[in-house]
Amino acid sequence: MAQKNNSGSNTTGNVLTDFIAGCRQGVNTNFFVQIPNFIFAFVLIQILNVSGLMDLINTALTPVMGIFGLPGSAGAILATGWLSTSGAIGAMVSLYETGMMTGRDMAIVLPMCFMIGGQLQMLGRILAPAKVPSKYYPALFISGFLGAIFVGFLGNIIF
């Protein structure tokens, strides 16, 4: 008989059965959440490149991203990362393949993405269902952005 554990998920009490069920949930999340985000970001970056909009983004954001030693196109990655971390990785790979980013750039921007990663998704999937009072949302988002700024500066110094 299935029992509810502290996280609210069903368990059978059989370690092997529960492990297999967890694996299935992980595969489901990968195929139906992460991979579509990754592909969407990759396609979006290609559309921006083909349409010439990436050049405009690059030009507009170069002064801001230059503070971290990054090209302006890294701003598109951070914007994507705010929506979806896996999407940001897809965007990063796409820009790397086109030569708009280097390995050094990726080493700096990836930790920045992790600091702000998926905050919009976090709002809908975690904060609202957990009934976190909305007065705490700004502090949560600002702390992520401040962390991203810090690791951007640190990455620029280290790399």
Protein backbone atom coordinates (compact mmCIF):
# COMPACT_ATOMS: atom_id res chain seq x y z
CA MET A 1 0.00 0.00 0.00
CA ALA A 2 1.34 3.42 -0.94
CA GLN A 3 2.23 5.80 1.86
CA LYS A 4 2.83 9.53 1.80
CA ASN A 5 6.28 10.63 2.91
CA ASN A 6 7.26 14.08 4.19
CA SER A 7 7.63 15.46 0.67
CA GLY A 8 4.09 14.42 -0.25
CA SER A 9 5.11 11.80 -2.81
CA ASN A 10 3.90 8.24 -2.71
CA THR A 11 6.20 5.49 -1.50
CA THR A 12 5.60 1.77 -1.42
CA GLY A 13 8.11 0.92 1.28
CA ASN A 14 10.04 -1.20 -1.21
CA VAL A 15 13.38 0.47 -1.95
CA LEU A 16 13.71 -0.99 -5.44
CA THR A 17 10.17 -0.07 -6.49
CA ASP A 18 10.53 3.45 -5.10
CA PHE A 19 13.92 3.83 -6.80
CA ILE A 20 12.49 2.80 -10.18
CA ALA A 21 9.54 5.18 -9.72
CA GLY A 22 11.98 8.00 -8.94
CA CYS A 23 14.01 7.17 -12.04
CA ARG A 24 10.87 7.32 -14.15
CA GLN A 25 10.01 10.73 -12.71
CA GLY A 26 13.55 11.93 -13.47
CA VAL A 27 13.39 10.71 -17.07
CA ASN A 28 9.97 12.32 -17.43
CA THR A 29 11.30 15.64 -16.15
CA ASN A 30 14.29 15.44 -18.48
CA PHE A 31 12.32 14.63 -21.62
CA PHE A 32 9.34 16.89 -21.03
CA VAL A 33 10.87 19.89 -19.22
CA GLN A 34 14.62 20.25 -19.66
CA ILE A 35 15.10 19.11 -23.24
CA PRO A 36 12.26 21.28 -24.64
CA ASN A 37 13.73 24.30 -22.80
CA PHE A 38 17.16 23.52 -24.20
CA ILE A 39 15.86 23.17 -27.77
CA PHE A 40 13.72 26.32 -27.50
CA ALA A 41 16.70 28.40 -26.39
CA PHE A 42 18.90 26.96 -29.13
CA VAL A 43 16.29 27.76 -31.79
CA LEU A 44 15.65 31.23 -30.33
CA ILE A 45 19.35 32.11 -30.49
CA GLN A 46 19.48 30.88 -34.10
CA ILE A 47 16.47 33.06 -34.97
CA LEU A 48 18.12 36.06 -33.32
CA ASN A 49 21.35 35.38 -35.26
CA VAL A 50 19.63 34.93 -38.63
CA SER A 51 17.38 37.97 -38.18
CA GLY A 52 20.29 40.19 -37.11
CA LEU A 53 18.70 40.94 -33.75
CA MET A 54 21.59 39.27 -31.92
CA ASP A 55 23.92 41.91 -33.36
CA LEU A 56 21.65 44.61 -31.93
CA ILE A 57 21.54 42.87 -28.55
CA ASN A 58 25.31 42.45 -28.63
CA THR A 59 25.84 46.15 -29.42
CA ALA A 60 23.32 47.35 -26.83
CA LEU A 61 24.58 45.15 -23.99
CA THR A 62 28.33 45.31 -24.65
CA PRO A 63 28.90 48.22 -22.22
CA VAL A 64 27.02 46.45 -19.41
CA MET A 65 28.43 42.97 -19.99
CA GLY A 66 31.90 44.44 -20.57
CA ILE A 67 32.06 45.09 -16.82
CA PHE A 68 32.40 41.33 -16.45
CA GLY A 69 34.70 40.94 -19.45
CA LEU A 70 31.88 39.41 -21.49
CA PRO A 71 30.49 40.19 -24.94
CA GLY A 72 27.06 41.80 -25.10
CA SER A 73 25.55 38.54 -26.35
CA ALA A 74 26.08 37.12 -22.85
CA GLY A 75 23.18 39.33 -21.78
CA ALA A 76 20.86 37.20 -23.92
CA ILE A 77 22.13 34.14 -22.06
CA LEU A 78 21.44 35.73 -18.69
CA ALA A 79 17.96 36.76 -19.77
CA THR A 80 17.32 33.20 -20.95
CA GLY A 81 18.81 31.88 -17.70
CA TRP A 82 16.36 33.93 -15.65
CA LEU A 83 13.60 32.00 -17.38
CA SER A 84 15.27 28.59 -17.57
CA THR A 85 18.75 27.39 -16.64
CA SER A 86 18.68 24.59 -19.18
CA GLY A 87 17.54 27.11 -21.79
CA ALA A 88 20.54 29.29 -20.93
CA ILE A 89 22.86 26.36 -21.46
CA GLY A 90 21.29 25.78 -24.87
CA ALA A 91 21.74 29.46 -25.73
CA MET A 92 25.34 29.35 -24.53
CA VAL A 93 26.19 26.34 -26.68
CA SER A 94 24.56 27.98 -29.67
CA LEU A 95 26.58 31.18 -29.23
CA TYR A 96 29.76 29.19 -28.67
CA GLU A 97 29.20 27.27 -31.91
CA THR A 98 28.75 30.51 -33.85
CA GLY A 99 31.94 31.97 -32.36
CA MET A 100 30.16 34.71 -30.44
CA MET A 101 31.43 33.33 -27.10
CA THR A 102 34.68 31.74 -25.99
CA GLY A 103 35.33 29.10 -23.37
CA ARG A 104 36.43 31.89 -21.00
CA ASP A 105 33.13 33.71 -21.57
CA MET A 106 31.22 30.52 -20.82
CA ALA A 107 33.24 29.96 -17.62
CA ILE A 108 32.16 33.39 -16.39
CA VAL A 109 28.53 33.44 -17.49
CA LEU A 110 27.57 29.90 -16.42
CA PRO A 111 27.89 30.56 -12.65
CA MET A 112 26.01 33.82 -13.20
CA CYS A 113 23.18 31.82 -14.80
CA PHE A 114 23.11 29.43 -11.88
CA MET A 115 22.68 32.36 -9.47
CA ILE A 116 19.59 33.66 -11.28
CA GLY A 117 18.68 30.34 -12.88
CA GLY A 118 15.02 29.79 -13.53
CA GLN A 119 13.74 32.36 -11.04
CA LEU A 120 10.56 32.85 -13.02
CA GLN A 121 9.95 29.09 -13.02
CA MET A 122 10.77 29.01 -9.32
CA LEU A 123 8.00 31.51 -8.70
CA GLY A 124 5.39 29.36 -10.42
CA ARG A 125 6.61 25.93 -9.38
CA ILE A 126 7.87 26.45 -5.83
CA LEU A 127 7.10 29.78 -4.21
CA ALA A 128 3.41 30.09 -5.13
CA PRO A 129 2.48 26.44 -4.40
CA ALA A 130 4.37 26.61 -1.10
CA LYS A 131 2.36 29.76 -0.29
CA VAL A 132 5.47 31.86 0.34
CA PRO A 133 4.19 35.39 0.99
CA SER A 134 4.79 37.60 -2.06
CA LYS A 135 6.47 40.22 0.13
CA TYR A 136 9.54 37.91 0.14
CA TYR A 137 9.76 37.59 -3.65
CA PRO A 138 11.81 40.77 -4.23
CA ALA A 139 14.41 39.74 -1.64
CA LEU A 140 14.70 36.29 -3.22
CA PHE A 141 15.12 37.69 -6.72
CA ILE A 142 17.47 40.50 -5.69
CA SER A 143 19.74 38.12 -3.78
CA GLY A 144 20.06 35.99 -6.93
CA PHE A 145 20.95 39.01 -9.06
CA LEU A 146 23.46 40.29 -6.49
CA GLY A 147 25.03 36.83 -6.39
CA ALA A 148 25.24 36.82 -10.20
CA ILE A 149 26.98 40.20 -10.17
CA PHE A 150 29.43 38.98 -7.54
CA VAL A 151 30.35 35.77 -9.39
CA GLY A 152 30.61 37.75 -12.65
CA PHE A 153 33.22 40.04 -11.12
CA LEU A 154 34.97 37.09 -9.48
CA GLY A 155 34.99 35.11 -12.73
CA ASN A 156 36.44 38.07 -14.60
CA ILE A 157 39.28 38.22 -12.07
CA ILE A 158 39.95 34.47 -12.00
CA PHE A 159 39.66 33.77 -15.74
